[in-house]
PDB file of N, CA and C in Angstrom:
ATOM      1  N   MET A   1      24.578  56.332 -30.480  1.00  0.00           N
ATOM      2  CA  MET A   1      24.402  57.664 -30.325  1.00  0.00           C
ATOM      3  C   MET A   1      25.461  58.588 -30.469  1.00  0.00           C
ATOM      4  N   GLN A   2      25.330  59.792 -30.702  1.00  0.00           N
ATOM      5  CA  GLN A   2      26.657  60.730 -31.099  1.00  0.00           C
ATOM      6  C   GLN A   2      26.177  62.094 -30.239  1.00  0.00           C
ATOM      7  N   ILE A   3      27.295  62.342 -29.705  1.00  0.00           N
ATOM      8  CA  ILE A   3      26.824  63.706 -29.111  1.00  0.00           C
ATOM      9  C   ILE A   3      27.901  64.885 -30.053  1.00  0.00           C
ATOM     10  N   TRP A   4      27.265  66.019 -30.437  1.00  0.00           N
ATOM     11  CA  TRP A   4      27.945  67.134 -30.972  1.00  0.00           C
ATOM     12  C   TRP A   4      27.735  68.599 -30.123  1.00  0.00           C
ATOM     13  N   GLY A   5      28.886  68.889 -30.186  1.00  0.00           N
ATOM     14  CA  GLY A   5      28.476  70.589 -29.269  1.00  0.00           C
ATOM     15  C   GLY A   5      29.074  71.719 -30.233  1.00  0.00           C
ATOM     16  N   SER A   6      28.790  72.733 -29.920  1.00  0.00           N
ATOM     17  CA  SER A   6      29.173  73.941 -30.696  1.00  0.00           C
ATOM     18  C   SER A   6      29.342  75.083 -29.902  1.00  0.00           C
ATOM     19  N   LEU A   7      30.524  76.365 -30.024  1.00  0.00           N
ATOM     20  CA  LEU A   7      30.655  77.427 -29.572  1.00  0.00           C
ATOM     21  C   LEU A   7      29.615  78.597 -30.382  1.00  0.00           C
ATOM     22  N   GLU A   8      29.017  78.316 -31.494  1.00  0.00           N
ATOM     23  CA  GLU A   8      28.346  79.243 -32.125  1.00  0.00           C
ATOM     24  C   GLU A   8      27.057  79.911 -31.566  1.00  0.00           C
ATOM     25  N   GLU A   9      26.848  81.135 -31.631  1.00  0.00           N
ATOM     26  CA  GLU A   9      25.647  81.834 -30.819  1.00  0.00           C
ATOM     27  C   GLU A   9      24.257  81.003 -31.776  1.00  0.00           C
ATOM     28  N   THR A  10      24.237  81.052 -33.002  1.00  0.00           N
ATOM     29  CA  THR A  10      23.382  80.369 -33.752  1.00  0.00           C
ATOM     30  C   THR A  10      23.649  79.551 -34.744  1.00  0.00           C
ATOM     31  N   PRO A  11      24.456  78.193 -34.283  1.00  0.00           N
ATOM     32  CA  PRO A  11      24.783  77.450 -35.689  1.00  0.00           C
ATOM     33  C   PRO A  11      23.360  76.388 -36.167  1.00  0.00           C
ATOM     34  N   ASP A  12      23.950  76.279 -37.326  1.00  0.00           N
ATOM     35  CA  ASP A  12      22.816  75.434 -38.576  1.00  0.00           C
ATOM     36  C   ASP A  12      23.009  74.190 -37.839  1.00  0.00           C
ATOM     37  N   PRO A  13      21.733  73.219 -37.570  1.00  0.00           N
ATOM     38  CA  PRO A  13      21.814  72.051 -36.751  1.00  0.00           C
ATOM     39  C   PRO A  13      22.330  71.036 -38.431  1.00  0.00           C
ATOM     40  N   TYR A  14      22.353  71.512 -39.163  1.00  0.00           N
ATOM     41  CA  TYR A  14      22.782  70.855 -40.728  1.00  0.00           C
ATOM     42  C   TYR A  14      23.794  70.941 -41.064  1.00  0.00           C
ATOM     43  N   GLN A  15      24.572  71.958 -40.860  1.00  0.00           N
ATOM     44  CA  GLN A  15      25.738  72.487 -41.503  1.00  0.00           C
ATOM     45  C   GLN A  15      26.697  71.518 -41.433  1.00  0.00           C
ATOM     46  N   SER A  16      27.994  71.466 -42.010  1.00  0.00           N
ATOM     47  CA  SER A  16      28.898  70.666 -41.726  1.00  0.00           C
ATOM     48  C   SER A  16      29.254  70.642 -40.395  1.00  0.00           C
ATOM     49  N   GLN A  17      30.217  69.437 -40.347  1.00  0.00           N
ATOM     50  CA  GLN A  17      30.729  69.308 -38.413  1.00  0.00           C
ATOM     51  C   GLN A  17      31.934  70.489 -38.874  1.00  0.00           C
ATOM     52  N   THR A  18      32.174  70.912 -39.485  1.00  0.00           N
ATOM     53  CA  THR A  18      33.147  72.217 -39.108  1.00  0.00           C
ATOM     54  C   THR A  18      32.689  73.192 -38.312  1.00  0.00           C
ATOM     55  N   ARG A  19      31.148  73.523 -37.874  1.00  0.00           N
ATOM     56  CA  ARG A  19      30.772  74.150 -36.773  1.00  0.00           C
ATOM     57  C   ARG A  19      30.501  73.584 -35.701  1.00  0.00           C
ATOM     58  N   TRP A  20      30.585  72.191 -35.386  1.00  0.00           N
ATOM     59  CA  TRP A  20      30.004  71.229 -34.752  1.00  0.00           C
ATOM     60  C   TRP A  20      31.594  70.471 -34.165  1.00  0.00           C
ATOM     61  N   PHE A  21      31.421  70.102 -32.816  1.00  0.00           N
ATOM     62  CA  PHE A  21      32.594  69.073 -32.213  1.00  0.00           C
ATOM     63  C   PHE A  21      32.160  68.069 -31.782  1.00  0.00           C
ATOM     64  N   LYS A  22      33.050  66.897 -31.655  1.00  0.00           N
ATOM     65  CA  LYS A  22      31.838  65.701 -31.130  1.00  0.00           C
ATOM     66  C   LYS A  22      32.662  65.683 -29.998  1.00  0.00           C
ATOM     67  N   ILE A  23      31.606  65.286 -29.220  1.00  0.00           N
ATOM     68  CA  ILE A  23      32.155  65.220 -27.493  1.00  0.00           C
ATOM     69  C   ILE A  23      31.883  63.704 -27.361  1.00  0.00           C
ATOM     70  N   TYR A  24      32.688  62.881 -26.320  1.00  0.00           N
ATOM     71  CA  TYR A  24      32.639  61.582 -26.233  1.00  0.00           C
ATOM     72  C   TYR A  24      32.577  61.416 -24.851  1.00  0.00           C
ATOM     73  N   PRO A  25      31.303  60.506 -24.461  1.00  0.00           N
ATOM     74  CA  PRO A  25      30.852  60.697 -22.875  1.00  0.00           C
ATOM     75  C   PRO A  25      31.809  59.563 -22.167  1.00  0.00           C
ATOM     76  N   THR A  26      32.031  59.954 -20.843  1.00  0.00           N
ATOM     77  CA  THR A  26      32.683  59.170 -19.848  1.00  0.00           C
ATOM     78  C   THR A  26      34.167  58.901 -20.069  1.00  0.00           C
ATOM     79  N   SER A  27      33.932  57.762 -21.001  1.00  0.00           N
ATOM     80  CA  SER A  27      35.200  56.995 -21.631  1.00  0.00           C
ATOM     81  C   SER A  27      36.283  58.160 -22.472  1.00  0.00           C
ATOM     82  N   MET A  28      35.429  59.016 -23.229  1.00  0.00           N
ATOM     83  CA  MET A  28      36.162  59.684 -23.931  1.00  0.00           C
ATOM     84  C   MET A  28      36.910  59.012 -25.215  1.00  0.00           C
ATOM     85  N   SER A  29      36.319  58.284 -25.278  1.00  0.00           N
ATOM     86  CA  SER A  29      37.092  57.240 -26.601  1.00  0.00           C
ATOM     87  C   SER A  29      36.185  56.646 -27.868  1.00  0.00           C
ATOM     88  N   GLN A  30      34.646  56.955 -27.165  1.00  0.00           N
ATOM     89  CA  GLN A  30      33.950  56.266 -28.408  1.00  0.00           C
ATOM     90  C   GLN A  30      32.297  56.827 -27.922  1.00  0.00           C
ATOM     91  N   ASP A  31      31.723  56.432 -29.057  1.00  0.00           N
ATOM     92  CA  ASP A  31      30.287  56.916 -29.067  1.00  0.00           C
ATOM     93  C   ASP A  31      29.369  55.978 -28.212  1.00  0.00           C
ATOM     94  N   ILE A  32      28.145  56.450 -28.086  1.00  0.00           N
ATOM     95  CA  ILE A  32      27.628  55.295 -27.059  1.00  0.00           C
ATOM     96  C   ILE A  32      26.934  54.245 -28.022  1.00  0.00           C
ATOM     97  N   GLU A  33      26.478  53.082 -27.063  1.00  0.00           N
ATOM     98  CA  GLU A  33      26.548  51.888 -27.977  1.00  0.00           C
ATOM     99  C   GLU A  33      25.296  51.527 -27.089  1.00  0.00           C
ATOM    100  N   PHE A  34      24.202  50.840 -27.924  1.00  0.00           N
ATOM    101  CA  PHE A  34      22.975  50.290 -27.165  1.00  0.00           C
ATOM    102  C   PHE A  34      22.566  49.143 -27.614  1.00  0.00           C
ATOM    103  N   ILE A  35      23.583  48.282 -28.277  1.00  0.00           N
ATOM    104  CA  ILE A  35      23.400  46.898 -28.811  1.00  0.00           C
ATOM    105  C   ILE A  35      22.941  46.000 -27.649  1.00  0.00           C
ATOM    106  N   LYS A  36      21.862  45.416 -27.904  1.00  0.00           N
ATOM    107  CA  LYS A  36      21.545  44.590 -26.802  1.00  0.00           C
ATOM    108  C   LYS A  36      21.360  44.652 -25.111  1.00  0.00           C
ATOM    109  N   TYR A  37      20.896  46.202 -25.215  1.00  0.00           N
ATOM    110  CA  TYR A  37      20.730  46.978 -24.338  1.00  0.00           C
ATOM    111  C   TYR A  37      19.361  46.928 -23.921  1.00  0.00           C
ATOM    112  N   SER A  38      19.128  47.176 -22.518  1.00  0.00           N
ATOM    113  CA  SER A  38      17.580  48.000 -22.419  1.00  0.00           C
ATOM    114  C   SER A  38      17.947  48.425 -20.854  1.00  0.00           C
ATOM    115  N   GLY A  39      17.033  49.286 -20.514  1.00  0.00           N
ATOM    116  CA  GLY A  39      17.114  50.447 -19.220  1.00  0.00           C
ATOM    117  C   GLY A  39      17.957  51.616 -19.121  1.00  0.00           C
ATOM    118  N   THR A  40      18.453  51.818 -18.035  1.00  0.00           N
ATOM    119  CA  THR A  40      18.439  53.197 -17.876  1.00  0.00           C
ATOM    120  C   THR A  40      20.110  53.074 -17.834  1.00  0.00           C
ATOM    121  N   GLN A  41      20.889  54.407 -18.230  1.00  0.00           N
ATOM    122  CA  GLN A  41      21.995  54.198 -18.137  1.00  0.00           C
ATOM    123  C   GLN A  41      22.887  55.925 -18.325  1.00  0.00           C
ATOM    124  N   ALA A  42      23.550  56.095 -17.478  1.00  0.00           N
ATOM    125  CA  ALA A  42      23.610  57.638 -16.975  1.00  0.00           C
ATOM    126  C   ALA A  42      25.482  57.907 -17.698  1.00  0.00           C
ATOM    127  N   TRP A  43      25.674  58.871 -18.273  1.00  0.00           N
ATOM    128  CA  TRP A  43      26.965  59.312 -18.824  1.00  0.00           C
ATOM    129  C   TRP A  43      27.362  61.008 -18.387  1.00  0.00           C
ATOM    130  N   THR A  44      28.575  61.108 -18.162  1.00  0.00           N
ATOM    131  CA  THR A  44      28.585  62.405 -17.525  1.00  0.00           C
ATOM    132  C   THR A  44      29.922  63.117 -18.701  1.00  0.00           C
ATOM    133  N   PHE A  45      30.054  64.021 -19.233  1.00  0.00           N
ATOM    134  CA  PHE A  45      30.995  65.064 -19.615  1.00  0.00           C
ATOM    135  C   PHE A  45      30.998  66.467 -19.190  1.00  0.00           C
ATOM    136  N   SER A  46      32.440  66.807 -19.498  1.00  0.00           N
ATOM    137  CA  SER A  46      32.583  68.398 -19.182  1.00  0.00           C
ATOM    138  C   SER A  46      33.224  68.716 -20.610  1.00  0.00           C
ATOM    139  N   ALA A  47      32.464  69.871 -20.828  1.00  0.00           N
ATOM    140  CA  ALA A  47      33.001  70.358 -22.033  1.00  0.00           C
ATOM    141  C   ALA A  47      32.655  72.410 -22.183  1.00  0.00           C
ATOM    142  N   ASN A  48      33.323  72.879 -22.803  1.00  0.00           N
ATOM    143  CA  ASN A  48      32.650  74.327 -23.268  1.00  0.00           C
ATOM    144  C   ASN A  48      31.647  73.979 -24.371  1.00  0.00           C
ATOM    145  N   PHE A  49      30.496  74.518 -24.444  1.00  0.00           N
ATOM    146  CA  PHE A  49      29.784  74.231 -25.404  1.00  0.00           C
ATOM    147  C   PHE A  49      28.735  75.451 -25.249  1.00  0.00           C
ATOM    148  N   LEU A  50      27.706  75.882 -26.178  1.00  0.00           N
ATOM    149  CA  LEU A  50      26.768  76.887 -26.000  1.00  0.00           C
ATOM    150  C   LEU A  50      25.261  75.880 -26.560  1.00  0.00           C
ATOM    151  N   TRP A  51      25.936  75.052 -27.624  1.00  0.00           N
ATOM    152  CA  TRP A  51      24.651  74.210 -27.941  1.00  0.00           C
ATOM    153  C   TRP A  51      25.119  72.864 -27.898  1.00  0.00           C
ATOM    154  N   LEU A  52      24.079  71.572 -28.061  1.00  0.00           N
ATOM    155  CA  LEU A  52      24.343  70.486 -27.705  1.00  0.00           C
ATOM    156  C   LEU A  52      23.282  69.930 -29.022  1.00  0.00           C
ATOM    157  N   LYS A  53      23.628  68.734 -29.551  1.00  0.00           N
ATOM    158  CA  LYS A  53      22.837  68.126 -30.644  1.00  0.00           C
ATOM    159  C   LYS A  53      23.150  66.469 -30.278  1.00  0.00           C
ATOM    160  N   PHE A  54      22.255  66.010 -30.411  1.00  0.00           N
ATOM    161  CA  PHE A  54      22.485  64.304 -30.454  1.00  0.00           C
ATOM    162  C   PHE A  54      22.306  63.387 -31.555  1.00  0.00           C
ATOM    163  N   ARG A  55      22.596  62.623 -31.702  1.00  0.00           N
ATOM    164  CA  ARG A  55      22.461  62.033 -33.143  1.00  0.00           C
ATOM    165  C   ARG A  55      22.142  60.680 -33.215  1.00  0.00           C
ATOM    166  N   MET A  56      21.029  59.759 -33.327  1.00  0.00           N
ATOM    167  CA  MET A  56      20.905  58.236 -33.237  1.00  0.00           C
ATOM    168  C   MET A  56      21.059  57.761 -34.531  1.00  0.00           C
ATOM    169  N   ILE A  57      21.808  56.456 -34.610  1.00  0.00           N
ATOM    170  CA  ILE A  57      22.017  55.930 -35.800  1.00  0.00           C
ATOM    171  C   ILE A  57      21.466  54.706 -35.552  1.00  0.00           C
ATOM    172  N   PRO A  58      20.560  53.954 -36.104  1.00  0.00           N
ATOM    173  CA  PRO A  58      20.067  52.335 -35.656  1.00  0.00           C
ATOM    174  C   PRO A  58      21.628  51.442 -36.415  1.00  0.00           C
ATOM    175  N   SER A  59      21.674  50.325 -35.457  1.00  0.00           N
ATOM    176  CA  SER A  59      22.678  49.695 -35.539  1.00  0.00           C
ATOM    177  C   SER A  59      22.216  48.564 -36.799  1.00  0.00           C
ATOM    178  N   THR A  60      23.115  48.527 -38.110  1.00  0.00           N
ATOM    179  CA  THR A  60      22.730  47.593 -39.203  1.00  0.00           C
ATOM    180  C   THR A  60      23.099  46.128 -38.667  1.00  0.00           C
ATOM    181  N   GLN A  61      23.570  45.920 -37.410  1.00  0.00           N
ATOM    182  CA  GLN A  61      24.052  44.476 -36.976  1.00  0.00           C
ATOM    183  C   GLN A  61      22.939  43.417 -36.261  1.00  0.00           C
ATOM    184  N   VAL A  62      21.876  44.424 -35.976  1.00  0.00           N
ATOM    185  CA  VAL A  62      20.751  43.708 -35.583  1.00  0.00           C
ATOM    186  C   VAL A  62      19.160  43.826 -36.233  1.00  0.00           C
ATOM    187  N   ILE A  63      18.708  42.778 -36.258  1.00  0.00           N
ATOM    188  CA  ILE A  63      17.305  43.173 -37.348  1.00  0.00           C
ATOM    189  C   ILE A  63      16.595  44.152 -36.417  1.00  0.00           C
ATOM    190  N   ASP A  64      15.985  44.207 -35.169  1.00  0.00           N
ATOM    191  CA  ASP A  64      15.190  45.162 -34.713  1.00  0.00           C
ATOM    192  C   ASP A  64      16.193  46.010 -33.948  1.00  0.00           C
ATOM    193  N   PRO A  65      16.887  47.314 -34.205  1.00  0.00           N
ATOM    194  CA  PRO A  65      17.557  47.920 -33.442  1.00  0.00           C
ATOM    195  C   PRO A  65      16.515  48.957 -32.049  1.00  0.00           C
ATOM    196  N   GLY A  66      15.102  48.448 -32.075  1.00  0.00           N
ATOM    197  CA  GLY A  66      14.350  49.310 -30.897  1.00  0.00           C
ATOM    198  C   GLY A  66      14.340  50.501 -30.980  1.00  0.00           C
ATOM    199  N   ILE A  67      14.000  51.178 -29.895  1.00  0.00           N
ATOM    200  CA  ILE A  67      13.711  52.612 -30.234  1.00  0.00           C
ATOM    201  C   ILE A  67      14.553  53.424 -29.007  1.00  0.00           C
ATOM    202  N   MET A  68      14.617  54.767 -29.029  1.00  0.00           N
ATOM    203  CA  MET A  68      14.661  55.564 -27.673  1.00  0.00           C
ATOM    204  C   MET A  68      13.620  56.106 -27.444  1.00  0.00           C
ATOM    205  N   GLN A  69      13.249  55.804 -26.004  1.00  0.00           N
ATOM    206  CA  GLN A  69      12.217  56.437 -25.664  1.00  0.00           C
ATOM    207  C   GLN A  69      12.096  57.936 -25.099  1.00  0.00           C
ATOM    208  N   LYS A  70      13.578  57.890 -24.401  1.00  0.00           N
ATOM    209  CA  LYS A  70      13.678  59.779 -23.393  1.00  0.00           C
ATOM    210  C   LYS A  70      14.978  59.324 -23.768  1.00  0.00           C
ATOM    211  N   LEU A  71      15.275  61.192 -23.409  1.00  0.00           N
ATOM    212  CA  LEU A  71      17.024  61.585 -23.422  1.00  0.00           C
ATOM    213  C   LEU A  71      16.521  62.506 -22.442  1.00  0.00           C
ATOM    214  N   ILE A  72      17.089  62.653 -21.555  1.00  0.00           N
ATOM    215  CA  ILE A  72      16.952  63.550 -20.453  1.00  0.00           C
ATOM    216  C   ILE A  72      18.566  64.412 -20.220  1.00  0.00           C
ATOM    217  N   VAL A  73      18.458  65.580 -20.232  1.00  0.00           N
ATOM    218  CA  VAL A  73      19.660  66.352 -20.550  1.00  0.00           C
ATOM    219  C   VAL A  73      19.778  67.560 -19.331  1.00  0.00           C
ATOM    220  N   ARG A  74      20.931  67.376 -18.579  1.00  0.00           N
ATOM    221  CA  ARG A  74      20.913  68.251 -17.402  1.00  0.00           C
ATOM    222  C   ARG A  74      22.168  69.205 -17.730  1.00  0.00           C
ATOM    223  N   THR A  75      22.146  70.381 -17.737  1.00  0.00           N
ATOM    224  CA  THR A  75      23.382  71.013 -18.130  1.00  0.00           C
ATOM    225  C   THR A  75      23.288  71.644 -16.737  1.00  0.00           C
TER     226      THR A  75
END
């Protein structure tokens, strides 16, 4: 899963990444991976942004990548 932030007041969610910047949770070095994972996990990050968007990219390394049932965001 990727996390993107924007400082634009009304950003286009489909616009190129020039209006969005990538946010790396906790480790600040990589995206969140859910390969062979089940359960609940919390991540934190601190950044200046007006908008957030989350992008889930299914893994091609496994036959059934599963589903994400819920994403809770506290700001």
